[in-house]
Structure formats: structure tokens, C-alpha cells
Amino acid sequence: MALRRAREERRGSSSSWLIVGLANPGAEYEGSRHNVGGDAVRLVGERRQVKFSLEKRQRALTASVSSKDGVSTLAVPTTFMNEAGAALPGLIRRCSIEDLARVLIVHDELDLEPGRLQLRLGGGLAGHNGLRSIAQTLASQEFARLRIGIGKPPTKEQGADYVLRRPTGARRAALRLNVEAAADALEVLLDEGFEEAQRRVNS
């Protein structure tokens, strides 16, 4: 079990939450629908005026922020989406996380219409390569997720282009509003706890 190994090798100061925003690295993917999770986590860091540092060992950019129960860690893996799980054991060890319910993955969701968010604990993978990689690495799906709705492409065959390309015009502006709403939800979680954030987001 990856979580068990992370516990056994644990070192570093404890974090109340490990909040991981999924995104592909590289300028060509900036502003794409697939990157909204990483964009939301970075926006929280920007709002809280913290600087992300590259942690080569953890294969992620990380920053520490204050939260209701103490310090929490924001992270954006530097791996590609389908290898996102590679960053999790090192991050969990660094943050001294002992319960996967305290790991929140922020990601794009085709099964939610644009503008909708959902905050939940556990659940399926819905064909998301980043979630699949994380679940395989941790041998568990019992982590929390903030799902950011991006809607479905016109046809199934257009799926890759739909998530990887940058929208333009009004769609680009709407996507930015989605990212801002997700960042709002993350700030509620940090300041008021998971249950309050879940009540606001899911209602």
C-alpha cells in the first residue's frame, strides 16, 4: 500500500490538508480545460500571497497556507496528467498525512456542465486519467475531490482536443469564472472546514 509506505517513511511537518490541483505542464496546455484544477489551486496561492516552490523529490510545485486547523499544503504536480499519481506518495510523506480523506484532488469533470462544482469524499474515476493514476498509486479511491464541470465535447471523438485546447472568447471567460468559483470553494474549505465547503458547493 502506497499510503502505508508513505506513513512508514513519513517526515516533514504535518499539514491539515494536502490540496492537489491537476494540470499538464508546459505553455501549450496553459488555459486549457484539462488544467482547471491546477489553475484553481494556483489562484488560491495567489490570493493568499504565497509563492510556490519546485519540490523535485515530490515532483510538484508546493506552497503552504494557513487554514482552520493549522497549516495546509497546496500542490500542483509537475508530471503529465496520466502520471499524476507519481507525486502523491512523496507529498503525503512530506505533509505527514495519515488519512486519505485529508487529500483533496481538484480536477476537471466532463460529467458536470460548465459552471457546476461538486465536493465529495471518494467516488469513481469517470475515465479521468489523473484520478486513475492517483487511485492506482495509492491503491485507494477514498480521497476527496473537488470536481470542476467543463461539460462534454460535441462528439466523443473530439474529447482529447476539447480538454487539451484553450477555449476562446466567451468560453474562455466562462472557464476563468469556473476556476475562480473553485478557488472560492477551496478557501471556504481552508477557513471553515470540509463540511461547510461541501454544503455551499453542493447546494
C-alpha atoms as a PDB file:
ATOM      1  CA  MET A   1       0.000   0.000   0.000  1.00  0.00           C
ATOM      2  CA  ALA A   2       1.465   3.340  -1.067  1.00  0.00           C
ATOM      3  CA  LEU A   3      -0.161   5.176   1.842  1.00  0.00           C
ATOM      4  CA  ARG A   4       1.296   2.695   4.324  1.00  0.00           C
ATOM      5  CA  ARG A   5       4.769   3.147   2.846  1.00  0.00           C
ATOM      6  CA  ALA A   6       4.333   6.917   2.981  1.00  0.00           C
ATOM      7  CA  ARG A   7       3.384   6.655   6.655  1.00  0.00           C
ATOM      8  CA  GLU A   8       6.335   4.424   7.467  1.00  0.00           C
ATOM      9  CA  GLU A   9       8.753   6.816   5.743  1.00  0.00           C
ATOM     10  CA  ARG A  10       6.953   9.928   6.957  1.00  0.00           C
ATOM     11  CA  ARG A  11       8.990  13.019   7.569  1.00  0.00           C
ATOM     12  CA  GLY A  12       8.261  16.735   7.493  1.00  0.00           C
ATOM     13  CA  SER A  13       5.804  18.910   9.322  1.00  0.00           C
ATOM     14  CA  SER A  14       2.151  17.948   9.473  1.00  0.00           C
ATOM     15  CA  SER A  15      -0.423  19.553   7.159  1.00  0.00           C
ATOM     16  CA  SER A  16      -4.151  19.699   7.867  1.00  0.00           C
ATOM     17  CA  TRP A  17      -4.912  19.324   4.160  1.00  0.00           C
ATOM     18  CA  LEU A  18      -2.996  18.332   1.073  1.00  0.00           C
ATOM     19  CA  ILE A  19      -4.791  20.044  -1.819  1.00  0.00           C
ATOM     20  CA  VAL A  20      -3.578  18.839  -5.213  1.00  0.00           C
ATOM     21  CA  GLY A  21      -4.604  20.607  -8.425  1.00  0.00           C
ATOM     22  CA  LEU A  22      -4.259  18.504 -11.558  1.00  0.00           C
ATOM     23  CA  ALA A  23      -2.816  20.018 -14.731  1.00  0.00           C
ATOM     24  CA  ASN A  24      -0.488  19.233 -17.599  1.00  0.00           C
ATOM     25  CA  PRO A  25       2.854  21.090 -17.533  1.00  0.00           C
ATOM     26  CA  GLY A  26       4.013  23.317 -20.362  1.00  0.00           C
ATOM     27  CA  ALA A  27       2.933  26.545 -22.013  1.00  0.00           C
ATOM     28  CA  GLU A  28       0.955  24.717 -24.695  1.00  0.00           C
ATOM     29  CA  TYR A  29      -1.540  23.499 -22.074  1.00  0.00           C
ATOM     30  CA  GLU A  30      -1.955  26.743 -20.136  1.00  0.00           C
ATOM     31  CA  GLY A  31      -5.572  27.888 -20.051  1.00  0.00           C
ATOM     32  CA  SER A  32      -6.923  24.531 -21.251  1.00  0.00           C
ATOM     33  CA  ARG A  33      -9.993  22.875 -19.758  1.00  0.00           C
ATOM     34  CA  HIS A  34      -7.870  19.976 -18.508  1.00  0.00           C
ATOM     35  CA  ASN A  35      -5.802  22.385 -16.390  1.00  0.00           C
ATOM     36  CA  VAL A  36      -8.583  23.993 -14.363  1.00  0.00           C
ATOM     37  CA  GLY A  37      -7.666  22.022 -11.223  1.00  0.00           C
ATOM     38  CA  GLY A  38      -4.102  23.300 -11.191  1.00  0.00           C
ATOM     39  CA  ASP A  39      -5.276  26.794 -12.115  1.00  0.00           C
ATOM     40  CA  ALA A  40      -7.688  26.891  -9.154  1.00  0.00           C
ATOM     41  CA  VAL A  41      -5.011  25.792  -6.687  1.00  0.00           C
ATOM     42  CA  ARG A  42      -2.537  28.335  -8.064  1.00  0.00           C
ATOM     43  CA  LEU A  43      -5.191  31.040  -7.742  1.00  0.00           C
ATOM     44  CA  VAL A  44      -5.649  30.243  -4.052  1.00  0.00           C
ATOM     45  CA  GLY A  45      -1.904  30.668  -3.611  1.00  0.00           C
ATOM     46  CA  GLU A  46      -2.012  33.967  -5.479  1.00  0.00           C
ATOM     47  CA  ARG A  47      -4.879  35.252  -3.339  1.00  0.00           C
ATOM     48  CA  ARG A  48      -3.072  34.255  -0.154  1.00  0.00           C
ATOM     49  CA  GLN A  49       0.162  35.759  -1.398  1.00  0.00           C
ATOM     50  CA  VAL A  50       2.261  32.627  -1.089  1.00  0.00           C
ATOM     51  CA  LYS A  51       4.914  31.529  -3.542  1.00  0.00           C
ATOM     52  CA  PHE A  52       5.051  28.022  -4.985  1.00  0.00           C
ATOM     53  CA  SER A  53       8.390  26.233  -4.804  1.00  0.00           C
ATOM     54  CA  LEU A  54       9.556  23.390  -7.011  1.00  0.00           C
ATOM     55  CA  GLU A  55       9.981  20.193  -4.988  1.00  0.00           C
ATOM     56  CA  LYS A  56      11.915  17.895  -7.314  1.00  0.00           C
ATOM     57  CA  ARG A  57      11.719  14.913  -4.981  1.00  0.00           C
ATOM     58  CA  GLN A  58       7.934  15.216  -4.723  1.00  0.00           C
ATOM     59  CA  ARG A  59       7.612  16.088  -8.444  1.00  0.00           C
ATOM     60  CA  ALA A  60       5.357  19.021  -7.643  1.00  0.00           C
ATOM     61  CA  LEU A  61       5.115  22.742  -7.035  1.00  0.00           C
ATOM     62  CA  THR A  62       4.070  23.357  -3.427  1.00  0.00           C
ATOM     63  CA  ALA A  63       3.111  26.203  -1.128  1.00  0.00           C
ATOM     64  CA  SER A  64       1.954  26.396   2.495  1.00  0.00           C
ATOM     65  CA  VAL A  65      -1.140  28.336   3.539  1.00  0.00           C
ATOM     66  CA  SER A  66      -2.905  28.905   6.834  1.00  0.00           C
ATOM     67  CA  SER A  67      -6.177  27.062   7.423  1.00  0.00           C
ATOM     68  CA  LYS A  68      -8.763  26.468  10.128  1.00  0.00           C
ATOM     69  CA  ASP A  69      -6.901  23.512  11.618  1.00  0.00           C
ATOM     70  CA  GLY A  70      -3.350  24.741  11.023  1.00  0.00           C
ATOM     71  CA  VAL A  71      -1.086  24.839   8.008  1.00  0.00           C
ATOM     72  CA  SER A  72      -2.235  23.190   4.784  1.00  0.00           C
ATOM     73  CA  THR A  73      -0.266  22.418   1.625  1.00  0.00           C
ATOM     74  CA  LEU A  74      -1.193  23.396  -1.913  1.00  0.00           C
ATOM     75  CA  ALA A  75       0.401  21.332  -4.667  1.00  0.00           C
ATOM     76  CA  VAL A  76       0.424  21.101  -8.464  1.00  0.00           C
ATOM     77  CA  PRO A  77       2.257  18.024  -9.814  1.00  0.00           C
ATOM     78  CA  THR A  78       4.899  18.702 -12.455  1.00  0.00           C
ATOM     79  CA  THR A  79       4.137  15.359 -14.123  1.00  0.00           C
ATOM     80  CA  PHE A  80       1.777  14.968 -17.029  1.00  0.00           C
ATOM     81  CA  MET A  81      -1.813  14.214 -16.098  1.00  0.00           C
ATOM     82  CA  ASN A  82      -1.644  10.476 -16.698  1.00  0.00           C
ATOM     83  CA  GLU A  83       1.319  10.231 -14.281  1.00  0.00           C
ATOM     84  CA  ALA A  84      -0.118  12.467 -11.542  1.00  0.00           C
ATOM     85  CA  GLY A  85      -0.063   9.612  -9.039  1.00  0.00           C
ATOM     86  CA  ALA A  86       3.750   9.643  -9.024  1.00  0.00           C
ATOM     87  CA  ALA A  87       3.691  12.868  -6.995  1.00  0.00           C
ATOM     88  CA  LEU A  88       1.334  11.660  -4.263  1.00  0.00           C
ATOM     89  CA  PRO A  89       3.453   9.339  -2.059  1.00  0.00           C
ATOM     90  CA  GLY A  90       6.178  11.966  -1.645  1.00  0.00           C
ATOM     91  CA  LEU A  91       3.660  14.717  -0.985  1.00  0.00           C
ATOM     92  CA  ILE A  92       1.782  12.611   1.573  1.00  0.00           C
ATOM     93  CA  ARG A  93       5.052  11.798   3.315  1.00  0.00           C
ATOM     94  CA  ARG A  94       6.169  15.429   3.280  1.00  0.00           C
ATOM     95  CA  CYS A  95       2.843  16.571   4.741  1.00  0.00           C
ATOM     96  CA  SER A  96       2.573  13.751   7.311  1.00  0.00           C
ATOM     97  CA  ILE A  97      -0.909  12.898   6.067  1.00  0.00           C
ATOM     98  CA  GLU A  98      -2.318   9.784   7.771  1.00  0.00           C
ATOM     99  CA  ASP A  99      -5.865   9.819   6.385  1.00  0.00           C
ATOM    100  CA  LEU A 100      -6.627   9.941   2.654  1.00  0.00           C
ATOM    101  CA  ALA A 101      -9.786  11.902   3.474  1.00  0.00           C
ATOM    102  CA  ARG A 102      -7.386  14.796   4.062  1.00  0.00           C
ATOM    103  CA  VAL A 103      -6.090  14.598   0.494  1.00  0.00           C
ATOM    104  CA  LEU A 104      -8.199  16.715  -1.866  1.00  0.00           C
ATOM    105  CA  ILE A 105      -7.753  16.338  -5.617  1.00  0.00           C
ATOM    106  CA  VAL A 106      -9.010  19.277  -7.702  1.00  0.00           C
ATOM    107  CA  HIS A 107      -9.786  18.306 -11.291  1.00  0.00           C
ATOM    108  CA  ASP A 108     -11.835  18.908 -14.422  1.00  0.00           C
ATOM    109  CA  GLU A 109     -15.018  16.893 -14.851  1.00  0.00           C
ATOM    110  CA  LEU A 110     -16.694  16.119 -18.183  1.00  0.00           C
ATOM    111  CA  ASP A 111     -19.820  14.778 -16.465  1.00  0.00           C
ATOM    112  CA  LEU A 112     -20.679  18.147 -14.899  1.00  0.00           C
ATOM    113  CA  GLU A 113     -21.893  21.024 -17.013  1.00  0.00           C
ATOM    114  CA  PRO A 114     -19.702  24.145 -17.139  1.00  0.00           C
ATOM    115  CA  GLY A 115     -20.141  26.293 -14.063  1.00  0.00           C
ATOM    116  CA  ARG A 116     -21.036  23.432 -11.721  1.00  0.00           C
ATOM    117  CA  LEU A 117     -18.804  22.222  -8.892  1.00  0.00           C
ATOM    118  CA  GLN A 118     -19.049  19.151  -6.702  1.00  0.00           C
ATOM    119  CA  LEU A 119     -17.146  18.452  -3.495  1.00  0.00           C
ATOM    120  CA  ARG A 120     -17.191  14.869  -2.312  1.00  0.00           C
ATOM    121  CA  LEU A 121     -15.256  12.173  -0.494  1.00  0.00           C
ATOM    122  CA  GLY A 122     -14.455   9.100  -2.552  1.00  0.00           C
ATOM    123  CA  GLY A 123     -16.289   8.078  -5.696  1.00  0.00           C
ATOM    124  CA  GLY A 124     -15.485   6.745  -9.145  1.00  0.00           C
ATOM    125  CA  LEU A 125     -12.852   7.790 -11.632  1.00  0.00           C
ATOM    126  CA  ALA A 126     -15.154   8.685 -14.568  1.00  0.00           C
ATOM    127  CA  GLY A 127     -12.393   7.871 -17.052  1.00  0.00           C
ATOM    128  CA  HIS A 128     -10.136  10.667 -15.768  1.00  0.00           C
ATOM    129  CA  ASN A 129      -6.501   9.723 -16.376  1.00  0.00           C
ATOM    130  CA  GLY A 130      -5.183  11.801 -13.484  1.00  0.00           C
ATOM    131  CA  LEU A 131      -7.599  10.248 -10.987  1.00  0.00           C
ATOM    132  CA  ARG A 132      -6.853   6.782 -12.345  1.00  0.00           C
ATOM    133  CA  SER A 133      -3.114   7.310 -11.847  1.00  0.00           C
ATOM    134  CA  ILE A 134      -3.638   8.550  -8.282  1.00  0.00           C
ATOM    135  CA  ALA A 135      -6.010   5.715  -7.372  1.00  0.00           C
ATOM    136  CA  GLN A 136      -3.583   3.124  -8.736  1.00  0.00           C
ATOM    137  CA  THR A 137      -0.640   4.634  -6.876  1.00  0.00           C
ATOM    138  CA  LEU A 138      -2.493   4.902  -3.554  1.00  0.00           C
ATOM    139  CA  ALA A 139      -4.387   1.621  -4.054  1.00  0.00           C
ATOM    140  CA  SER A 140      -7.484   3.512  -2.950  1.00  0.00           C
ATOM    141  CA  GLN A 141     -10.188   5.838  -4.229  1.00  0.00           C
ATOM    142  CA  GLU A 142     -11.051   7.173  -0.768  1.00  0.00           C
ATOM    143  CA  PHE A 143      -9.569  10.617  -1.268  1.00  0.00           C
ATOM    144  CA  ALA A 144     -11.620  13.803  -1.520  1.00  0.00           C
ATOM    145  CA  ARG A 145     -12.315  15.525  -4.849  1.00  0.00           C
ATOM    146  CA  LEU A 146     -13.379  18.958  -5.963  1.00  0.00           C
ATOM    147  CA  ARG A 147     -14.849  18.386  -9.427  1.00  0.00           C
ATOM    148  CA  ILE A 148     -14.935  21.389 -11.764  1.00  0.00           C
ATOM    149  CA  GLY A 149     -17.518  20.980 -14.503  1.00  0.00           C
ATOM    150  CA  ILE A 150     -16.303  21.552 -18.056  1.00  0.00           C
ATOM    151  CA  GLY A 151     -19.128  19.795 -19.915  1.00  0.00           C
ATOM    152  CA  LYS A 152     -18.854  17.299 -22.726  1.00  0.00           C
ATOM    153  CA  PRO A 153     -17.476  17.844 -26.245  1.00  0.00           C
ATOM    154  CA  PRO A 154     -19.892  17.741 -29.185  1.00  0.00           C
ATOM    155  CA  THR A 155     -18.757  14.179 -30.003  1.00  0.00           C
ATOM    156  CA  LYS A 156     -16.782  11.548 -28.137  1.00  0.00           C
ATOM    157  CA  GLU A 157     -14.093  11.638 -30.832  1.00  0.00           C
ATOM    158  CA  GLN A 158     -13.393  15.299 -30.028  1.00  0.00           C
ATOM    159  CA  GLY A 159     -12.667  14.547 -26.372  1.00  0.00           C
ATOM    160  CA  ALA A 160      -8.890  14.999 -26.426  1.00  0.00           C
ATOM    161  CA  ASP A 161      -8.993  18.253 -28.375  1.00  0.00           C
ATOM    162  CA  TYR A 162     -11.815  19.529 -26.183  1.00  0.00           C
ATOM    163  CA  VAL A 163      -9.930  19.140 -22.900  1.00  0.00           C
ATOM    164  CA  LEU A 164      -6.420  19.982 -24.132  1.00  0.00           C
ATOM    165  CA  ARG A 165      -7.067  23.071 -26.247  1.00  0.00           C
ATOM    166  CA  ARG A 166      -7.667  26.558 -24.915  1.00  0.00           C
ATOM    167  CA  PRO A 167     -11.217  27.837 -25.366  1.00  0.00           C
ATOM    168  CA  THR A 168     -11.559  31.316 -26.834  1.00  0.00           C
ATOM    169  CA  GLY A 169     -13.861  34.289 -26.454  1.00  0.00           C
ATOM    170  CA  ALA A 170     -16.867  33.849 -24.162  1.00  0.00           C
ATOM    171  CA  ARG A 171     -15.946  30.215 -23.418  1.00  0.00           C
ATOM    172  CA  ARG A 172     -12.526  31.308 -22.192  1.00  0.00           C
ATOM    173  CA  ALA A 173     -14.094  33.948 -19.913  1.00  0.00           C
ATOM    174  CA  ALA A 174     -16.587  31.383 -18.580  1.00  0.00           C
ATOM    175  CA  LEU A 175     -13.784  28.916 -17.859  1.00  0.00           C
ATOM    176  CA  ARG A 176     -11.959  31.576 -15.858  1.00  0.00           C
ATOM    177  CA  LEU A 177     -15.114  32.150 -13.801  1.00  0.00           C
ATOM    178  CA  ASN A 178     -15.241  28.402 -13.110  1.00  0.00           C
ATOM    179  CA  VAL A 179     -11.651  28.497 -11.865  1.00  0.00           C
ATOM    180  CA  GLU A 180     -12.454  31.447  -9.616  1.00  0.00           C
ATOM    181  CA  ALA A 181     -15.501  29.654  -8.180  1.00  0.00           C
ATOM    182  CA  ALA A 182     -13.366  26.588  -7.451  1.00  0.00           C
ATOM    183  CA  ALA A 183     -10.786  28.765  -5.708  1.00  0.00           C
ATOM    184  CA  ASP A 184     -13.613  30.299  -3.652  1.00  0.00           C
ATOM    185  CA  ALA A 185     -14.677  26.799  -2.591  1.00  0.00           C
ATOM    186  CA  LEU A 186     -11.121  25.882  -1.603  1.00  0.00           C
ATOM    187  CA  GLU A 187     -10.859  28.996   0.532  1.00  0.00           C
ATOM    188  CA  VAL A 188     -14.084  28.081   2.341  1.00  0.00           C
ATOM    189  CA  LEU A 189     -12.657  24.630   2.998  1.00  0.00           C
ATOM    190  CA  LEU A 190      -9.454  26.108   4.385  1.00  0.00           C
ATOM    191  CA  ASP A 191     -11.204  28.694   6.556  1.00  0.00           C
ATOM    192  CA  GLU A 192     -14.400  26.926   7.601  1.00  0.00           C
ATOM    193  CA  GLY A 193     -13.835  23.217   7.053  1.00  0.00           C
ATOM    194  CA  PHE A 194     -14.866  20.484   4.620  1.00  0.00           C
ATOM    195  CA  GLU A 195     -18.494  20.175   5.708  1.00  0.00           C
ATOM    196  CA  GLU A 196     -19.225  23.884   5.277  1.00  0.00           C
ATOM    197  CA  ALA A 197     -17.488  23.952   1.904  1.00  0.00           C
ATOM    198  CA  GLN A 198     -19.420  20.881   0.821  1.00  0.00           C
ATOM    199  CA  ARG A 199     -22.724  22.426   1.944  1.00  0.00           C
ATOM    200  CA  ARG A 200     -22.097  25.580  -0.062  1.00  0.00           C
ATOM    201  CA  VAL A 201     -20.705  23.886  -3.153  1.00  0.00           C
ATOM    202  CA  ASN A 202     -23.208  21.046  -3.476  1.00  0.00           C
ATOM    203  CA  SER A 203     -26.302  23.088  -2.649  1.00  0.00           C
END
